[in-house]
């Protein structure tokens, strides 16, 4: 899934959030993991799971009489690719300003964690260099 299309609508977003929490599940398991407001009919959840599968967000595998759905992409990968795709179409100035606003909106402990992750990425890049 090189290009990530956005998740469409609240129901699909809630279903993907449930799938990322569950890591795998049947229609019933996913339906029960949804907030009550989004549980809807069994067939509605099944239809949404099948659509998400057709769009490349989920895999499905038959296990007896049930179908087990699994995320094909992690939540982190989805967010990263979506943000990268959005930023790629913006000017450099807009990208820098948007990133600064995002970082500025983090709480102190989140900024510290981000700095540690940045250090890890830098170390990994240096290790790859000849």
N, C-alpha and C. Protein backbone atom coordinates (compact mmCIF):
# COMPACT_ATOMS: atom_id res chain seq x y z
N UNK A 1 0.86 -1.18 0.00
CA UNK A 1 0.00 0.00 0.00
C UNK A 1 0.90 1.24 0.00
N UNK A 2 1.43 1.56 -1.16
CA UNK A 2 2.34 2.69 -1.26
C UNK A 2 1.60 4.00 -1.01
N UNK A 3 0.54 4.23 -1.78
CA UNK A 3 -0.27 5.43 -1.57
C UNK A 3 -1.41 5.06 -0.65
N UNK A 4 -1.56 5.81 0.40
CA UNK A 4 -2.62 5.54 1.36
C UNK A 4 -3.78 6.47 1.08
N UNK A 5 -4.92 5.87 0.78
CA UNK A 5 -6.12 6.68 0.63
C UNK A 5 -6.69 6.88 2.02
N UNK A 6 -7.33 7.99 2.25
CA UNK A 6 -7.87 8.24 3.59
C UNK A 6 -8.99 7.26 3.95
N UNK A 7 -9.11 7.00 5.22
CA UNK A 7 -10.24 6.23 5.73
C UNK A 7 -11.45 7.14 5.61
N UNK A 8 -12.53 6.61 5.09
CA UNK A 8 -13.71 7.42 4.80
C UNK A 8 -14.76 7.31 5.89
N UNK A 9 -15.07 8.42 6.53
CA UNK A 9 -16.18 8.50 7.46
C UNK A 9 -15.89 7.97 8.85
N UNK A 10 -16.77 8.35 9.76
CA UNK A 10 -16.64 7.98 11.17
C UNK A 10 -16.74 6.48 11.40
N UNK A 11 -17.63 5.80 10.69
CA UNK A 11 -17.82 4.37 10.92
C UNK A 11 -16.56 3.61 10.53
N UNK A 12 -16.01 3.90 9.35
CA UNK A 12 -14.78 3.23 8.94
C UNK A 12 -13.62 3.58 9.88
N UNK A 13 -13.55 4.80 10.33
CA UNK A 13 -12.49 5.20 11.27
C UNK A 13 -12.64 4.43 12.59
N UNK A 14 -13.85 4.29 13.08
CA UNK A 14 -14.08 3.55 14.32
C UNK A 14 -13.76 2.06 14.14
N UNK A 15 -14.11 1.51 12.98
CA UNK A 15 -13.81 0.10 12.71
C UNK A 15 -12.31 -0.11 12.64
N UNK A 16 -11.59 0.78 11.97
CA UNK A 16 -10.14 0.62 11.90
C UNK A 16 -9.51 0.78 13.28
N UNK A 17 -10.00 1.71 14.08
CA UNK A 17 -9.49 1.87 15.44
C UNK A 17 -9.70 0.58 16.24
N UNK A 18 -10.86 -0.04 16.07
CA UNK A 18 -11.14 -1.31 16.75
C UNK A 18 -10.22 -2.41 16.23
N UNK A 19 -10.00 -2.44 14.92
CA UNK A 19 -9.12 -3.46 14.34
C UNK A 19 -7.69 -3.31 14.84
N UNK A 20 -7.22 -2.08 14.95
CA UNK A 20 -5.86 -1.86 15.45
C UNK A 20 -5.75 -2.29 16.91
N UNK A 21 -6.82 -2.11 17.69
CA UNK A 21 -6.80 -2.56 19.09
C UNK A 21 -6.86 -4.08 19.17
N UNK A 22 -7.74 -4.68 18.38
CA UNK A 22 -7.95 -6.13 18.44
C UNK A 22 -6.82 -6.92 17.76
N UNK A 23 -6.26 -6.37 16.72
CA UNK A 23 -5.24 -7.00 15.86
C UNK A 23 -5.82 -8.06 14.94
N UNK A 24 -6.93 -8.65 15.29
CA UNK A 24 -7.64 -9.61 14.43
C UNK A 24 -9.01 -9.84 15.04
N UNK A 25 -10.01 -10.13 14.18
CA UNK A 25 -11.32 -10.39 14.73
C UNK A 25 -12.36 -10.73 13.68
N UNK A 26 -13.42 -11.35 14.16
CA UNK A 26 -14.58 -11.65 13.32
C UNK A 26 -15.49 -10.42 13.31
N UNK A 27 -16.52 -10.48 12.51
CA UNK A 27 -17.49 -9.37 12.47
C UNK A 27 -18.05 -9.12 13.86
N UNK A 28 -18.43 -10.19 14.56
CA UNK A 28 -18.99 -10.03 15.91
C UNK A 28 -17.99 -9.40 16.86
N UNK A 29 -16.74 -9.85 16.82
CA UNK A 29 -15.72 -9.30 17.72
C UNK A 29 -15.47 -7.83 17.44
N UNK A 30 -15.41 -7.47 16.16
CA UNK A 30 -15.20 -6.07 15.80
C UNK A 30 -16.42 -5.25 16.23
N UNK A 31 -17.59 -5.75 15.94
CA UNK A 31 -18.83 -5.04 16.30
C UNK A 31 -18.89 -4.78 17.80
N UNK A 32 -18.53 -5.78 18.59
CA UNK A 32 -18.56 -5.63 20.05
C UNK A 32 -17.47 -4.69 20.56
N UNK A 33 -16.41 -4.49 19.78
CA UNK A 33 -15.32 -3.60 20.19
C UNK A 33 -15.61 -2.14 19.84
N UNK A 34 -16.66 -1.91 19.06
CA UNK A 34 -17.01 -0.54 18.66
C UNK A 34 -17.75 0.16 19.78
N UNK A 35 -17.61 1.49 19.85
CA UNK A 35 -18.46 2.24 20.78
C UNK A 35 -19.93 1.99 20.44
N UNK A 36 -20.82 1.95 21.43
CA UNK A 36 -22.23 1.62 21.19
C UNK A 36 -22.84 2.41 20.03
N UNK A 37 -22.47 3.65 19.92
CA UNK A 37 -23.03 4.51 18.86
C UNK A 37 -22.73 3.97 17.46
N UNK A 38 -21.63 3.21 17.31
CA UNK A 38 -21.20 2.75 15.99
C UNK A 38 -21.43 1.26 15.78
N UNK A 39 -22.01 0.56 16.74
CA UNK A 39 -22.15 -0.88 16.60
C UNK A 39 -23.08 -1.27 15.46
N UNK A 40 -24.16 -0.60 15.27
CA UNK A 40 -25.03 -0.87 14.12
C UNK A 40 -25.37 -2.33 13.94
N UNK A 41 -25.93 -2.64 12.79
CA UNK A 41 -26.32 -4.01 12.47
C UNK A 41 -25.09 -4.83 12.08
N UNK A 42 -25.17 -6.12 12.29
CA UNK A 42 -24.10 -7.05 11.93
C UNK A 42 -23.72 -6.86 10.46
N UNK A 43 -24.73 -6.80 9.60
CA UNK A 43 -24.46 -6.69 8.16
C UNK A 43 -23.79 -5.36 7.79
N UNK A 44 -24.08 -4.31 8.54
CA UNK A 44 -23.44 -3.01 8.28
C UNK A 44 -21.95 -3.10 8.60
N UNK A 45 -21.63 -3.69 9.74
CA UNK A 45 -20.22 -3.84 10.13
C UNK A 45 -19.51 -4.76 9.14
N UNK A 46 -20.17 -5.84 8.75
CA UNK A 46 -19.60 -6.77 7.78
C UNK A 46 -19.31 -6.07 6.45
N UNK A 47 -20.25 -5.27 5.99
CA UNK A 47 -20.06 -4.53 4.74
C UNK A 47 -18.87 -3.59 4.85
N UNK A 48 -18.76 -2.87 5.95
CA UNK A 48 -17.65 -1.95 6.14
C UNK A 48 -16.31 -2.69 6.21
N UNK A 49 -16.28 -3.84 6.88
CA UNK A 49 -15.06 -4.63 6.94
C UNK A 49 -14.66 -5.10 5.55
N UNK A 50 -15.63 -5.53 4.76
CA UNK A 50 -15.34 -5.98 3.40
C UNK A 50 -14.85 -4.82 2.53
N UNK A 51 -15.44 -3.66 2.69
CA UNK A 51 -14.98 -2.49 1.93
C UNK A 51 -13.56 -2.11 2.31
N UNK A 52 -13.27 -2.13 3.61
CA UNK A 52 -11.91 -1.82 4.07
C UNK A 52 -10.91 -2.86 3.56
N UNK A 53 -11.36 -4.10 3.45
CA UNK A 53 -10.51 -5.15 2.90
C UNK A 53 -10.26 -4.91 1.41
N UNK A 54 -11.29 -4.58 0.68
CA UNK A 54 -11.17 -4.30 -0.76
C UNK A 54 -10.27 -3.10 -1.03
N UNK A 55 -10.25 -2.15 -0.10
CA UNK A 55 -9.42 -0.96 -0.26
C UNK A 55 -7.98 -1.18 0.21
N UNK A 56 -7.69 -2.37 0.74
CA UNK A 56 -6.33 -2.70 1.13
C UNK A 56 -5.97 -2.40 2.58
N UNK A 57 -6.93 -2.06 3.39
CA UNK A 57 -6.66 -1.78 4.80
C UNK A 57 -6.64 -3.06 5.65
N UNK A 58 -7.40 -4.07 5.22
CA UNK A 58 -7.54 -5.31 5.99
C UNK A 58 -7.28 -6.51 5.10
N UNK A 59 -6.91 -7.62 5.73
CA UNK A 59 -6.89 -8.91 5.05
C UNK A 59 -8.04 -9.72 5.65
N UNK A 60 -8.50 -10.70 4.91
CA UNK A 60 -9.52 -11.58 5.45
C UNK A 60 -9.15 -13.03 5.14
N UNK A 61 -9.45 -13.89 6.11
CA UNK A 61 -9.13 -15.30 5.98
C UNK A 61 -10.26 -16.10 6.60
N UNK A 62 -10.69 -17.11 5.88
CA UNK A 62 -11.77 -17.96 6.39
C UNK A 62 -11.20 -18.90 7.44
N UNK A 63 -11.92 -19.01 8.56
CA UNK A 63 -11.57 -19.94 9.63
C UNK A 63 -12.86 -20.67 10.01
N UNK A 64 -13.08 -21.82 9.39
CA UNK A 64 -14.34 -22.53 9.59
C UNK A 64 -15.47 -21.76 8.93
N UNK A 65 -16.47 -21.41 9.71
CA UNK A 65 -17.61 -20.66 9.17
C UNK A 65 -17.41 -19.15 9.29
N UNK A 66 -16.38 -18.74 9.99
CA UNK A 66 -16.16 -17.31 10.23
C UNK A 66 -15.06 -16.77 9.31
N UNK A 67 -15.07 -15.48 9.16
CA UNK A 67 -13.99 -14.78 8.45
C UNK A 67 -13.25 -13.95 9.48
N UNK A 68 -11.93 -14.10 9.49
CA UNK A 68 -11.09 -13.34 10.41
C UNK A 68 -10.47 -12.19 9.62
N UNK A 69 -10.66 -10.99 10.12
CA UNK A 69 -10.09 -9.79 9.52
C UNK A 69 -8.87 -9.36 10.32
N UNK A 70 -7.85 -8.87 9.63
CA UNK A 70 -6.63 -8.37 10.27
C UNK A 70 -6.22 -7.08 9.57
N UNK A 71 -5.68 -6.13 10.32
CA UNK A 71 -5.15 -4.92 9.66
C UNK A 71 -3.97 -5.28 8.76
N UNK A 72 -3.94 -4.71 7.60
CA UNK A 72 -2.84 -4.91 6.66
C UNK A 72 -1.75 -3.86 6.90
N UNK A 73 -2.13 -2.80 7.55
CA UNK A 73 -1.23 -1.68 7.83
C UNK A 73 -1.46 -1.27 9.29
N UNK A 74 -0.39 -0.95 9.99
CA UNK A 74 -0.54 -0.54 11.39
C UNK A 74 -1.07 0.89 11.45
N UNK A 75 -1.56 1.24 12.62
CA UNK A 75 -2.06 2.61 12.81
C UNK A 75 -0.92 3.60 12.60
N UNK A 76 0.26 3.27 13.11
CA UNK A 76 1.42 4.15 12.95
C UNK A 76 1.77 4.33 11.48
N UNK A 77 1.79 3.23 10.72
CA UNK A 77 2.08 3.31 9.29
C UNK A 77 1.04 4.16 8.58
N UNK A 78 -0.23 3.95 8.91
CA UNK A 78 -1.30 4.72 8.28
C UNK A 78 -1.13 6.21 8.55
N UNK A 79 -0.92 6.56 9.81
CA UNK A 79 -0.77 7.97 10.16
C UNK A 79 0.46 8.58 9.47
N UNK A 80 1.57 7.86 9.51
CA UNK A 80 2.80 8.37 8.90
C UNK A 80 2.62 8.60 7.41
N UNK A 81 2.06 7.61 6.72
CA UNK A 81 1.89 7.74 5.27
C UNK A 81 0.87 8.82 4.91
N UNK A 82 -0.17 8.94 5.71
CA UNK A 82 -1.18 9.97 5.44
C UNK A 82 -0.58 11.36 5.63
N UNK A 83 0.17 11.53 6.71
CA UNK A 83 0.82 12.83 6.97
C UNK A 83 1.85 13.13 5.89
N UNK A 84 2.67 12.14 5.52
CA UNK A 84 3.66 12.34 4.48
C UNK A 84 3.01 12.73 3.16
N UNK A 85 1.93 12.06 2.82
CA UNK A 85 1.21 12.36 1.58
C UNK A 85 0.66 13.78 1.60
N UNK A 86 0.10 14.18 2.72
CA UNK A 86 -0.45 15.53 2.84
C UNK A 86 0.66 16.57 2.76
N UNK A 87 1.75 16.34 3.47
CA UNK A 87 2.86 17.30 3.47
C UNK A 87 3.56 17.38 2.12
N UNK A 88 3.58 16.28 1.38
CA UNK A 88 4.27 16.25 0.09
C UNK A 88 3.68 17.25 -0.91
N UNK A 89 2.40 17.53 -0.76
CA UNK A 89 1.75 18.45 -1.71
C UNK A 89 1.81 19.90 -1.25
N UNK A 90 2.42 20.15 -0.10
CA UNK A 90 2.49 21.52 0.42
C UNK A 90 3.85 22.13 0.10
N UNK A 91 3.91 23.44 0.17
CA UNK A 91 5.18 24.15 -0.03
C UNK A 91 6.09 23.88 1.16
N UNK A 92 7.39 24.05 0.98
CA UNK A 92 8.31 23.84 2.11
C UNK A 92 7.97 24.71 3.31
N UNK A 93 7.62 25.97 3.07
CA UNK A 93 7.27 26.86 4.19
C UNK A 93 6.04 26.35 4.94
N UNK A 94 5.03 25.91 4.20
CA UNK A 94 3.81 25.41 4.83
C UNK A 94 4.11 24.12 5.60
N UNK A 95 4.95 23.24 5.02
CA UNK A 95 5.32 22.00 5.72
C UNK A 95 5.99 22.30 7.04
N UNK A 96 6.98 23.21 7.01
CA UNK A 96 7.71 23.57 8.23
C UNK A 96 6.77 24.17 9.28
N UNK A 97 5.89 25.05 8.84
CA UNK A 97 4.96 25.70 9.77
C UNK A 97 3.99 24.67 10.36
N UNK A 98 3.50 23.77 9.52
CA UNK A 98 2.56 22.75 10.02
C UNK A 98 3.24 21.83 11.02
N UNK A 99 4.46 21.40 10.71
CA UNK A 99 5.19 20.53 11.65
C UNK A 99 5.49 21.26 12.95
N UNK A 100 5.85 22.54 12.85
CA UNK A 100 6.12 23.32 14.06
C UNK A 100 4.85 23.44 14.92
N UNK A 101 3.70 23.63 14.29
CA UNK A 101 2.45 23.70 15.04
C UNK A 101 2.13 22.37 15.71
N UNK A 102 2.35 21.27 14.98
CA UNK A 102 2.10 19.96 15.57
C UNK A 102 3.01 19.72 16.77
N UNK A 103 4.28 20.00 16.61
CA UNK A 103 5.23 19.80 17.71
C UNK A 103 4.92 20.75 18.86
N UNK A 104 4.58 21.98 18.54
CA UNK A 104 4.24 22.96 19.57
C UNK A 104 3.01 22.58 20.37
N UNK A 105 2.13 21.79 19.79
CA UNK A 105 0.92 21.36 20.47
C UNK A 105 1.10 20.15 21.36
N UNK A 106 2.30 19.56 21.33
CA UNK A 106 2.55 18.39 22.16
C UNK A 106 2.74 18.79 23.62
N UNK A 107 2.39 17.88 24.51
CA UNK A 107 2.67 18.09 25.93
C UNK A 107 4.15 17.83 26.16
N UNK A 108 4.66 18.32 27.28
CA UNK A 108 6.10 18.20 27.56
C UNK A 108 6.59 16.76 27.47
N UNK A 109 5.88 15.82 28.08
CA UNK A 109 6.34 14.43 28.04
C UNK A 109 6.31 13.85 26.63
N UNK A 110 5.39 14.34 25.79
CA UNK A 110 5.33 13.89 24.40
C UNK A 110 6.51 14.44 23.61
N UNK A 111 6.90 15.69 23.89
CA UNK A 111 8.06 16.27 23.20
C UNK A 111 9.34 15.53 23.59
N UNK A 112 9.46 15.17 24.88
CA UNK A 112 10.63 14.42 25.33
C UNK A 112 10.68 13.06 24.62
N UNK A 113 9.55 12.38 24.55
CA UNK A 113 9.49 11.09 23.86
C UNK A 113 9.84 11.25 22.38
N UNK A 114 9.36 12.32 21.76
CA UNK A 114 9.67 12.59 20.36
C UNK A 114 11.17 12.84 20.16
N UNK A 115 11.78 13.54 21.10
CA UNK A 115 13.22 13.79 21.01
C UNK A 115 13.99 12.47 21.09
N UNK A 116 13.55 11.56 21.95
CA UNK A 116 14.20 10.25 22.05
C UNK A 116 14.04 9.46 20.75
N UNK A 117 12.85 9.50 20.17
CA UNK A 117 12.63 8.81 18.90
C UNK A 117 13.48 9.42 17.79
N UNK A 118 13.61 10.73 17.80
CA UNK A 118 14.45 11.42 16.81
C UNK A 118 15.90 10.97 16.95
N UNK A 119 16.38 10.86 18.18
CA UNK A 119 17.74 10.37 18.42
C UNK A 119 17.91 8.95 17.88
N UNK A 120 16.91 8.10 18.08
CA UNK A 120 16.97 6.72 17.58
C UNK A 120 17.02 6.70 16.06
N UNK A 121 16.21 7.53 15.41
CA UNK A 121 16.21 7.60 13.95
C UNK A 121 17.57 8.09 13.45
N UNK A 122 18.12 9.12 14.09
CA UNK A 122 19.44 9.63 13.71
C UNK A 122 20.51 8.56 13.85
N UNK A 123 20.47 7.81 14.95
CA UNK A 123 21.45 6.75 15.17
C UNK A 123 21.32 5.66 14.11
N UNK A 124 20.09 5.31 13.76
CA UNK A 124 19.87 4.29 12.73
C UNK A 124 20.38 4.77 11.37
N UNK A 125 20.17 6.04 11.05
CA UNK A 125 20.68 6.60 9.79
C UNK A 125 22.20 6.58 9.75
N UNK A 126 22.84 6.95 10.85
CA UNK A 126 24.30 6.96 10.91
C UNK A 126 24.85 5.54 10.77
N UNK A 127 24.16 4.56 11.35
CA UNK A 127 24.61 3.17 11.27
C UNK A 127 24.52 2.64 9.85
N UNK A 128 23.61 3.16 9.04
CA UNK A 128 23.45 2.70 7.66
C UNK A 128 24.49 3.30 6.72
N UNK A 129 25.08 4.42 7.11
CA UNK A 129 26.06 5.08 6.24
C UNK A 129 27.34 4.27 6.19
N UNK A 130 27.99 4.23 5.00
CA UNK A 130 29.25 3.46 4.88
C UNK A 130 30.41 4.08 5.60
